[in-house]
Amino acid sequence: MREKLIRILLLIAIISYNSLSIEFDEHLRNDFQDFLDNFREVHNIKGVSVCVKSKDDLWLGTSGISNEEQPVLSEMLFGIGSITKTMTATVILKLCEEGVINLDEKIGKWFDGHEFIDSDITIRQLLNHTSGLYDYSANPDYHNAIYQNAMRIFSPRELLQFIHKPLFPKGTDWQYCNTNYMLAGIIISESTGKKVSELYREYIWDNIGLSNTYLAVEEEMTGIIANRWVNENNLSNIPINAAFSGAWTSGSVFSTAYETALFVEALNSAGIINKESLNEMFDFVAASDYGLGISKKIIDGSEVRGHTGSIRGYNSIALYIPKYEITIVILVNSSPASPVFLAERIIRHLNQNYPSSYFKKNVKSILSIFPNPATDFITIQLSNKGLQPFAAGDKVQIFDMLGLEVISTQSASQPPTGEGNLRIDVSHLPAGVYFIKINCSNGACSIVEKFVKQL
């Protein structure tokens, strides 16, 4: 049974094999935790859950409390607020791929007759916030209704009553607006005859293996929910029904930092929608750099793509850094709080200490490992670094999946083969996935690559 399990895991590793591996070493992990603890203390925040994820490694960190008796845990659910909008836009794009709707379709077929909704607004204009619609969540009557009965569950069409006169004619300006994504949710539901939560699951969560992510009120949440705090007031005894049903597809998803990061990573690598749809999502409106449920910003000189969120004591940010292929998700359980400060600190640290080549390099033209999968020996071929392959002093390290070093050698201690390659005995290593890191003695390269050791 054990051998069968190992073979299955090896098969998965072989199928998922790629040319890029990223190691978050002990120093980097310690730095992340220091930044997290400092952020929570300086900003007087109750609790924080963080995930920093590359294609092949991740760091999960927590700091602070959910309540006086319970520390924050990585598996805890937080309200991710308007990061929900990215999921809603993703479902819209999936429906476009299937021909159910299209981005430039007018919304009048769903909302004809409402005096403050222009029937000629397109779905695209909803998603990129150029519709000009009034934000229903800014209406004092909406807030009064939320606070009058915390147990109330609003139906989506009940929320239409809080929409007032438009702010500007469609397509002439940009304004962030929750109404856009509430209407998008109605379009999703009424064009398919399904609950939006069903479509989230079908197109996103089940598709990429998220089992701890929920649309509040529409679904029963079985995970541990982090208590929410506002100005030192514990809101854990206040039902989420009215507030989160009112937010619905504009901001009521609950998830963990890890699962939110899996979503952001999969989305940006075209693992959920196809590349054509992704290009549509990344068609950013110039004045705001907002696309379809996602925005583009520059932080410490690095372009990032993602979204922030804030809802009833929860604050969040989810970012993808293309040049590093790294995802950062920060979830906070208290307000006021701005997790963007922690994200900026992490990105600045990466920029200062780790050049993009450390994280992202086309190593296929530089490093080859064969055979891969391997049994007793591996041969490493290194080229195009401005030196003869494997000069004396080149350091070779092999790490297991837990980041533990299992082999370390200088190239001079294991002479190259006749072809100028390096041959290493790996027969004593257990079956599994390993990372090879090579630091060239002249500083010309720092390369990380993956190989599989089979039975």
Foldseek 3Di string as FASTA:
>chain_A
DVQVVLVVQLVVCVVPFDWFDADCAPVNLVVLQVLQQVQCVVVVFAKKWKWKDFPQDIHIDMDHPLDPVGRDDLFAKEFQAQLLQVLLLLLVLVCVVVVLDHQQDFQCVPVPPQPAQDRNAGLQCLQQQQQQWDALVVQVVLVCVCVVDVQDADDLVVSSVSTDHGRDHGPPDGDDHLVSQSSSQVCSCVSVVDHVQVSSCVQACVLQPNDQKGQPPVDDHDTHHRFFAEPNRTCNPRHNRSQRSSSGSRTRMMGGNVSSQSRVLCLVVCNRPHPVSSVQQQPADVVFQGGRSKHWDAAPNFIWIWDWRDGDRKTKTWIAGVLQNMIMIMIGRGPDDDCVVSVSVSVNCCVVPPPSQSRDDPCVVAWDWPDFQDAWKIKIFGDDLPDQQQDFPKKKWKAASVRHTDDIDTCVVQDAPPVSIGMDTPNPPDWDKMKMWIQDRVRSDTGIGIGTYRD
